[in-house]
N, C-alpha and C. Protein backbone atom coordinates (compact mmCIF):
# COMPACT_ATOMS: atom_id res chain seq x y z
N MET A 1 0.84 -1.18 0.00
CA MET A 1 0.00 0.00 0.00
C MET A 1 0.88 1.24 0.00
N GLY A 2 0.47 2.25 -0.76
CA GLY A 2 1.20 3.51 -0.78
C GLY A 2 0.98 4.28 0.51
N LYS A 3 1.80 5.29 0.73
CA LYS A 3 1.70 6.05 1.98
C LYS A 3 0.39 6.83 2.09
N ASP A 4 -0.24 7.12 0.96
CA ASP A 4 -1.51 7.84 0.98
C ASP A 4 -2.71 6.90 0.92
N THR A 5 -2.46 5.60 1.00
CA THR A 5 -3.52 4.61 0.91
C THR A 5 -3.74 4.01 2.29
N ILE A 6 -4.99 4.02 2.72
CA ILE A 6 -5.33 3.40 4.00
C ILE A 6 -6.50 2.44 3.80
N LYS A 7 -6.61 1.51 4.73
CA LYS A 7 -7.69 0.52 4.69
C LYS A 7 -8.75 0.92 5.69
N THR A 8 -10.02 0.72 5.33
CA THR A 8 -11.11 0.99 6.27
C THR A 8 -11.00 0.04 7.46
N PRO A 9 -11.55 0.42 8.60
CA PRO A 9 -11.42 -0.42 9.81
C PRO A 9 -11.96 -1.84 9.62
N ASP A 10 -12.95 -2.02 8.75
CA ASP A 10 -13.51 -3.36 8.54
C ASP A 10 -12.74 -4.16 7.50
N GLY A 11 -11.72 -3.55 6.89
CA GLY A 11 -10.88 -4.24 5.92
C GLY A 11 -11.51 -4.46 4.57
N ARG A 12 -12.63 -3.81 4.31
CA ARG A 12 -13.32 -4.03 3.03
C ARG A 12 -12.78 -3.16 1.89
N TYR A 13 -12.26 -1.99 2.24
CA TYR A 13 -11.87 -1.04 1.20
C TYR A 13 -10.51 -0.42 1.46
N LEU A 14 -9.88 -0.01 0.36
CA LEU A 14 -8.74 0.89 0.42
C LEU A 14 -9.28 2.27 0.08
N VAL A 15 -8.75 3.29 0.72
CA VAL A 15 -9.12 4.66 0.39
C VAL A 15 -7.98 5.21 -0.44
N VAL A 16 -8.28 5.57 -1.68
CA VAL A 16 -7.28 6.11 -2.59
C VAL A 16 -7.83 7.41 -3.16
N LYS A 17 -7.14 8.51 -2.85
CA LYS A 17 -7.55 9.84 -3.33
C LYS A 17 -9.03 10.11 -3.04
N GLY A 18 -9.47 9.74 -1.83
CA GLY A 18 -10.82 10.05 -1.40
C GLY A 18 -11.90 9.11 -1.92
N ARG A 19 -11.51 8.04 -2.60
CA ARG A 19 -12.47 7.06 -3.11
C ARG A 19 -12.22 5.70 -2.48
N LEU A 20 -13.28 4.92 -2.40
CA LEU A 20 -13.19 3.57 -1.85
C LEU A 20 -13.00 2.56 -2.99
N TRP A 21 -12.06 1.63 -2.77
CA TRP A 21 -11.81 0.54 -3.72
C TRP A 21 -11.81 -0.76 -2.94
N ARG A 22 -12.61 -1.70 -3.39
CA ARG A 22 -12.78 -2.96 -2.65
C ARG A 22 -11.46 -3.74 -2.56
N CYS A 23 -11.19 -4.23 -1.38
CA CYS A 23 -10.00 -5.07 -1.13
C CYS A 23 -10.28 -6.50 -1.60
N SER A 24 -9.22 -7.25 -1.73
CA SER A 24 -9.34 -8.68 -2.03
C SER A 24 -10.01 -9.38 -0.86
N ASN A 25 -10.64 -10.49 -1.17
CA ASN A 25 -11.30 -11.31 -0.15
C ASN A 25 -10.24 -11.88 0.79
N PRO A 26 -10.28 -11.52 2.07
CA PRO A 26 -9.26 -12.01 2.99
C PRO A 26 -9.38 -13.51 3.29
N ASP A 27 -10.48 -14.13 2.90
CA ASP A 27 -10.67 -15.55 3.15
C ASP A 27 -10.14 -16.44 2.03
N LEU A 28 -9.58 -15.83 0.98
CA LEU A 28 -9.00 -16.65 -0.10
C LEU A 28 -7.80 -17.41 0.43
N PRO A 29 -7.65 -18.66 0.03
CA PRO A 29 -6.43 -19.38 0.40
C PRO A 29 -5.21 -18.63 -0.17
N GLU A 30 -4.12 -18.62 0.56
CA GLU A 30 -2.92 -17.88 0.17
C GLU A 30 -2.44 -18.23 -1.24
N GLN A 31 -2.47 -19.51 -1.57
CA GLN A 31 -2.01 -19.93 -2.90
C GLN A 31 -2.90 -19.36 -4.01
N VAL A 32 -4.20 -19.38 -3.81
CA VAL A 32 -5.14 -18.81 -4.79
C VAL A 32 -4.90 -17.32 -4.92
N TYR A 33 -4.75 -16.65 -3.79
CA TYR A 33 -4.49 -15.21 -3.80
C TYR A 33 -3.23 -14.90 -4.62
N ARG A 34 -2.13 -15.61 -4.32
CA ARG A 34 -0.87 -15.35 -5.04
C ARG A 34 -1.01 -15.60 -6.53
N GLU A 35 -1.68 -16.70 -6.90
CA GLU A 35 -1.86 -17.01 -8.33
C GLU A 35 -2.67 -15.93 -9.03
N GLN A 36 -3.73 -15.45 -8.39
CA GLN A 36 -4.57 -14.43 -9.01
C GLN A 36 -3.86 -13.08 -9.10
N VAL A 37 -3.07 -12.75 -8.09
CA VAL A 37 -2.29 -11.51 -8.16
C VAL A 37 -1.28 -11.59 -9.30
N LYS A 38 -0.65 -12.74 -9.45
CA LYS A 38 0.30 -12.94 -10.55
C LYS A 38 -0.41 -12.77 -11.89
N HIS A 39 -1.60 -13.37 -12.01
CA HIS A 39 -2.40 -13.26 -13.23
C HIS A 39 -2.80 -11.79 -13.48
N LEU A 40 -3.20 -11.11 -12.42
CA LEU A 40 -3.59 -9.70 -12.53
C LEU A 40 -2.43 -8.84 -13.02
N MET A 41 -1.27 -9.02 -12.44
CA MET A 41 -0.11 -8.22 -12.84
C MET A 41 0.27 -8.49 -14.30
N SER A 42 0.20 -9.74 -14.70
CA SER A 42 0.48 -10.11 -16.08
C SER A 42 -0.53 -9.45 -17.03
N ALA A 43 -1.79 -9.50 -16.66
CA ALA A 43 -2.84 -8.90 -17.49
C ALA A 43 -2.67 -7.39 -17.58
N ARG A 44 -2.27 -6.76 -16.49
CA ARG A 44 -2.04 -5.31 -16.52
C ARG A 44 -0.87 -4.96 -17.44
N ARG A 45 0.17 -5.79 -17.43
CA ARG A 45 1.28 -5.56 -18.37
C ARG A 45 0.80 -5.72 -19.81
N MET A 46 -0.10 -6.69 -20.03
CA MET A 46 -0.64 -6.88 -21.37
C MET A 46 -1.45 -5.66 -21.81
N VAL A 47 -2.20 -5.06 -20.90
CA VAL A 47 -2.95 -3.84 -21.22
C VAL A 47 -1.97 -2.74 -21.62
N ARG A 48 -0.93 -2.56 -20.82
CA ARG A 48 0.08 -1.53 -21.11
C ARG A 48 0.69 -1.74 -22.50
N ASP A 49 1.08 -2.98 -22.79
CA ASP A 49 1.71 -3.27 -24.08
C ASP A 49 0.74 -3.09 -25.24
N ALA A 50 -0.51 -3.48 -25.05
CA ALA A 50 -1.51 -3.33 -26.10
C ALA A 50 -1.79 -1.85 -26.37
N LYS A 51 -1.83 -1.06 -25.31
CA LYS A 51 -2.04 0.38 -25.49
C LYS A 51 -0.86 0.99 -26.24
N ALA A 52 0.34 0.58 -25.89
CA ALA A 52 1.53 1.11 -26.55
C ALA A 52 1.55 0.77 -28.03
N SER A 53 1.07 -0.42 -28.37
CA SER A 53 1.05 -0.83 -29.78
C SER A 53 -0.25 -0.43 -30.48
N ARG A 54 -1.15 0.16 -29.72
CA ARG A 54 -2.47 0.60 -30.25
C ARG A 54 -3.26 -0.54 -30.87
N ASP A 55 -3.14 -1.70 -30.24
CA ASP A 55 -3.88 -2.88 -30.70
C ASP A 55 -5.14 -2.99 -29.85
N GLU A 56 -6.26 -2.52 -30.39
CA GLU A 56 -7.51 -2.46 -29.63
C GLU A 56 -8.05 -3.83 -29.25
N SER A 57 -7.94 -4.81 -30.14
CA SER A 57 -8.47 -6.13 -29.80
C SER A 57 -7.61 -6.79 -28.72
N GLN A 58 -6.30 -6.60 -28.78
CA GLN A 58 -5.42 -7.14 -27.74
C GLN A 58 -5.70 -6.43 -26.41
N GLU A 59 -5.96 -5.13 -26.47
CA GLU A 59 -6.27 -4.40 -25.24
C GLU A 59 -7.57 -4.88 -24.62
N ARG A 60 -8.60 -5.10 -25.45
CA ARG A 60 -9.88 -5.61 -24.95
C ARG A 60 -9.69 -6.96 -24.25
N GLU A 61 -8.93 -7.85 -24.89
CA GLU A 61 -8.67 -9.17 -24.31
C GLU A 61 -7.91 -9.04 -22.98
N ALA A 62 -6.92 -8.17 -22.95
CA ALA A 62 -6.14 -7.96 -21.73
C ALA A 62 -7.02 -7.40 -20.62
N ARG A 63 -7.89 -6.46 -20.95
CA ARG A 63 -8.78 -5.89 -19.94
C ARG A 63 -9.76 -6.94 -19.41
N GLN A 64 -10.18 -7.85 -20.27
CA GLN A 64 -11.04 -8.95 -19.81
C GLN A 64 -10.29 -9.84 -18.82
N GLN A 65 -9.00 -10.05 -19.07
CA GLN A 65 -8.20 -10.85 -18.15
C GLN A 65 -8.00 -10.13 -16.82
N VAL A 66 -7.83 -8.81 -16.86
CA VAL A 66 -7.75 -8.03 -15.62
C VAL A 66 -9.05 -8.22 -14.84
N ASP A 67 -10.17 -8.09 -15.53
CA ASP A 67 -11.47 -8.23 -14.88
C ASP A 67 -11.63 -9.62 -14.26
N GLN A 68 -11.23 -10.65 -14.98
CA GLN A 68 -11.34 -12.02 -14.46
C GLN A 68 -10.53 -12.18 -13.17
N ALA A 69 -9.32 -11.65 -13.17
CA ALA A 69 -8.46 -11.77 -11.99
C ALA A 69 -9.06 -10.98 -10.82
N LYS A 70 -9.56 -9.79 -11.09
CA LYS A 70 -10.14 -8.98 -10.02
C LYS A 70 -11.40 -9.65 -9.45
N ARG A 71 -12.17 -10.28 -10.30
CA ARG A 71 -13.34 -11.02 -9.82
C ARG A 71 -12.91 -12.22 -8.96
N ALA A 72 -11.88 -12.93 -9.40
CA ALA A 72 -11.39 -14.07 -8.63
C ALA A 72 -10.84 -13.63 -7.28
N LEU A 73 -10.29 -12.42 -7.21
CA LEU A 73 -9.78 -11.89 -5.96
C LEU A 73 -10.89 -11.32 -5.06
N GLY A 74 -12.08 -11.13 -5.62
CA GLY A 74 -13.18 -10.56 -4.85
C GLY A 74 -13.25 -9.05 -4.93
N GLU A 75 -12.42 -8.44 -5.78
CA GLU A 75 -12.40 -6.98 -5.89
C GLU A 75 -13.51 -6.45 -6.79
N ARG A 76 -14.11 -7.33 -7.57
CA ARG A 76 -15.26 -6.99 -8.43
C ARG A 76 -16.27 -8.12 -8.31
N GLY A 77 -17.46 -7.86 -8.84
CA GLY A 77 -18.49 -8.88 -8.79
C GLY A 77 -19.19 -8.88 -7.44
N PRO A 78 -19.78 -10.01 -7.08
CA PRO A 78 -20.49 -10.08 -5.79
C PRO A 78 -19.53 -9.79 -4.63
N VAL A 79 -20.05 -9.11 -3.62
CA VAL A 79 -19.21 -8.80 -2.45
C VAL A 79 -18.86 -10.09 -1.72
N TRP A 80 -17.74 -10.07 -1.02
CA TRP A 80 -17.29 -11.25 -0.30
C TRP A 80 -17.77 -11.28 1.15
N TRP A 81 -18.36 -10.21 1.61
CA TRP A 81 -18.88 -10.22 2.98
C TRP A 81 -20.34 -10.65 2.96
N SER A 82 -20.82 -11.11 4.11
CA SER A 82 -22.16 -11.72 4.13
C SER A 82 -23.14 -11.03 5.07
N ASP A 83 -22.83 -9.81 5.49
CA ASP A 83 -23.72 -9.14 6.45
C ASP A 83 -24.77 -8.24 5.79
N GLY A 84 -24.84 -8.29 4.46
CA GLY A 84 -25.86 -7.52 3.76
C GLY A 84 -25.50 -6.07 3.47
N GLU A 85 -24.33 -5.63 3.94
CA GLU A 85 -23.92 -4.25 3.67
C GLU A 85 -23.68 -4.06 2.18
N PRO A 86 -24.07 -2.89 1.64
CA PRO A 86 -23.87 -2.64 0.21
C PRO A 86 -22.40 -2.41 -0.14
N ASP A 87 -22.14 -2.40 -1.42
CA ASP A 87 -20.80 -2.17 -1.94
C ASP A 87 -20.64 -0.68 -2.26
N TYR A 88 -19.62 -0.06 -1.68
CA TYR A 88 -19.36 1.36 -1.91
C TYR A 88 -18.15 1.59 -2.81
N THR A 89 -17.75 0.57 -3.57
CA THR A 89 -16.60 0.70 -4.45
C THR A 89 -16.78 1.89 -5.39
N GLN A 90 -15.74 2.68 -5.51
CA GLN A 90 -15.63 3.86 -6.35
C GLN A 90 -16.38 5.07 -5.80
N CYS A 91 -17.06 4.92 -4.68
CA CYS A 91 -17.77 6.06 -4.10
C CYS A 91 -16.79 7.00 -3.42
N ARG A 92 -17.10 8.28 -3.45
CA ARG A 92 -16.33 9.24 -2.67
C ARG A 92 -16.60 8.93 -1.22
N ILE A 93 -15.58 8.89 -0.42
CA ILE A 93 -15.72 8.45 0.96
C ILE A 93 -16.67 9.33 1.75
N GLU A 94 -16.75 10.63 1.43
CA GLU A 94 -17.64 11.50 2.19
C GLU A 94 -19.12 11.19 1.94
N ASN A 95 -19.41 10.37 0.93
CA ASN A 95 -20.79 9.98 0.64
C ASN A 95 -21.12 8.57 1.14
N THR A 96 -20.32 8.08 2.09
CA THR A 96 -20.50 6.72 2.58
C THR A 96 -20.55 6.71 4.11
N PRO A 97 -20.89 5.58 4.70
CA PRO A 97 -20.87 5.48 6.17
C PRO A 97 -19.46 5.62 6.77
N TYR A 98 -18.44 5.61 5.95
CA TYR A 98 -17.06 5.76 6.42
C TYR A 98 -16.64 7.22 6.55
N ALA A 99 -17.50 8.14 6.21
CA ALA A 99 -17.16 9.56 6.17
C ALA A 99 -16.65 10.08 7.51
N GLU A 100 -17.36 9.80 8.58
CA GLU A 100 -16.96 10.32 9.89
C GLU A 100 -15.62 9.73 10.34
N TRP A 101 -15.44 8.45 10.14
CA TRP A 101 -14.16 7.80 10.47
C TRP A 101 -13.01 8.47 9.71
N TYR A 102 -13.21 8.68 8.41
CA TYR A 102 -12.16 9.29 7.59
C TYR A 102 -11.89 10.72 8.02
N ARG A 103 -12.95 11.47 8.31
CA ARG A 103 -12.81 12.86 8.76
C ARG A 103 -11.99 12.91 10.05
N SER A 104 -12.24 11.95 10.94
CA SER A 104 -11.50 11.94 12.22
C SER A 104 -10.02 11.66 11.98
N LEU A 105 -9.71 10.84 11.00
CA LEU A 105 -8.30 10.59 10.65
C LEU A 105 -7.65 11.85 10.11
N GLN A 106 -8.38 12.56 9.27
CA GLN A 106 -7.84 13.79 8.69
C GLN A 106 -7.57 14.83 9.79
N GLU A 107 -8.50 14.95 10.71
CA GLU A 107 -8.35 15.93 11.80
C GLU A 107 -7.19 15.54 12.71
N ALA A 108 -7.01 14.25 12.94
CA ALA A 108 -5.93 13.80 13.82
C ALA A 108 -4.56 14.06 13.20
N SER A 109 -4.49 14.08 11.87
CA SER A 109 -3.21 14.28 11.21
C SER A 109 -2.85 15.75 11.02
N GLU A 110 -3.77 16.64 11.36
CA GLU A 110 -3.51 18.09 11.20
C GLU A 110 -2.74 18.65 12.37
């Protein structure tokens, strides 16, 4: 995690530039997690290379592979928690139930 990236207290999201991004499912077996992260990084490199070569069909395929890996990690698709709480991925943190917690962190760092 970068120095400006923090995790919500419940471990569901990373806060990046004021937005929430869903974390990987912490219940994944370590081997599955490592394999999917490896797949994700490879797919991201494929996206980069396809963009550099301006190959739109290769980029589409690479982005599909990124999506597959993110879904396998639990970062997209159905949420991995079971308490019925909604998914706030990509929401501005001030528009979520995490707003007060985040505000208190900001005030403490001033």
